[in-house]
Amino acid sequence: MHKNILKSDKCAEIHSIGAGALNQAIKATAIARGYLTPSSLDLVSIPSFLEVNIENQIKTAIKLEIKLV
């Protein structure tokens, strides 16, 4: 069963590593805003840095906290 996280939890997080991944995350947020427009709802995106461990290497990621307003 498909669950709409933003409508049930009012927030979501997207983690991305690299320019291409961040570009896709921003595009996904823009598309989601378009789906919410008819409902008079909007999204707020709060970016921050995050360190993640991938194969025993610390990498810097960008975390987008997406909130429904």
Protein backbone atom coordinates (compact mmCIF):
# COMPACT_ATOMS: atom_id res chain seq x y z
CA MET A 1 0.00 0.00 0.00
CA HIS A 2 1.31 3.43 -0.98
CA LYS A 3 1.68 5.91 1.87
CA ASN A 4 1.84 9.66 1.32
CA ILE A 5 4.49 10.59 3.86
CA LEU A 6 4.08 14.36 3.56
CA LYS A 7 0.33 14.29 4.12
CA SER A 8 0.50 11.88 7.07
CA ASP A 9 3.73 13.03 8.79
CA LYS A 10 3.86 16.67 7.54
CA CYS A 11 7.60 16.34 6.86
CA ALA A 12 10.16 14.26 4.98
CA GLU A 13 13.94 14.20 4.52
CA ILE A 14 15.89 13.78 1.31
CA HIS A 15 19.62 12.99 1.58
CA SER A 16 21.79 13.48 -1.49
CA ILE A 17 25.46 13.03 -2.27
CA GLY A 18 26.78 14.74 -5.37
CA ALA A 19 25.55 17.44 -7.70
CA GLY A 20 23.40 15.13 -9.83
CA ALA A 21 21.60 13.68 -6.83
CA LEU A 22 20.98 17.14 -5.38
CA ASN A 23 19.62 18.32 -8.74
CA GLN A 24 17.17 15.39 -8.81
CA ALA A 25 16.09 16.09 -5.22
CA ILE A 26 15.38 19.75 -6.02
CA LYS A 27 13.42 18.75 -9.14
CA ALA A 28 11.38 16.24 -7.11
CA THR A 29 10.55 18.95 -4.58
CA ALA A 30 9.44 21.32 -7.35
CA ILE A 31 7.22 18.61 -8.89
CA ALA A 32 5.70 17.83 -5.48
CA ARG A 33 4.89 21.53 -5.01
CA GLY A 34 3.01 21.44 -8.30
CA TYR A 35 0.88 18.52 -7.10
CA LEU A 36 0.00 20.40 -3.90
CA THR A 37 -0.96 23.72 -5.51
CA PRO A 38 -4.63 22.80 -6.18
CA SER A 39 -5.00 21.95 -2.47
CA SER A 40 -3.67 25.39 -1.41
CA LEU A 41 -0.75 23.66 0.30
CA ASP A 42 2.94 24.42 -0.13
CA LEU A 43 6.34 22.98 0.77
CA VAL A 44 9.27 24.53 2.60
CA SER A 45 12.75 23.10 2.06
CA ILE A 46 15.41 23.52 4.75
CA PRO A 47 18.89 22.50 3.54
CA SER A 48 21.74 21.43 5.82
CA PHE A 49 24.97 19.45 5.65
CA LEU A 50 25.22 15.87 6.85
CA GLU A 51 28.16 13.50 7.21
CA VAL A 52 27.51 9.90 6.15
CA ASN A 53 29.68 6.80 6.28
CA ILE A 54 29.85 4.94 2.97
CA GLU A 55 32.22 1.96 2.74
CA ASN A 56 34.22 3.25 5.73
CA GLN A 57 34.64 6.69 4.17
CA ILE A 58 33.06 9.83 5.57
CA LYS A 59 31.25 11.78 2.85
CA THR A 60 29.45 15.10 3.03
CA ALA A 61 25.83 14.97 1.98
CA ILE A 62 23.10 17.55 1.77
CA LYS A 63 19.93 16.97 3.73
CA LEU A 64 16.74 18.64 2.57
CA GLU A 65 14.09 18.74 5.25
CA ILE A 66 10.79 19.13 3.44
CA LYS A 67 7.86 20.49 5.45
CA LEU A 68 4.23 20.78 4.44
CA VAL A 69 2.76 24.22 5.17
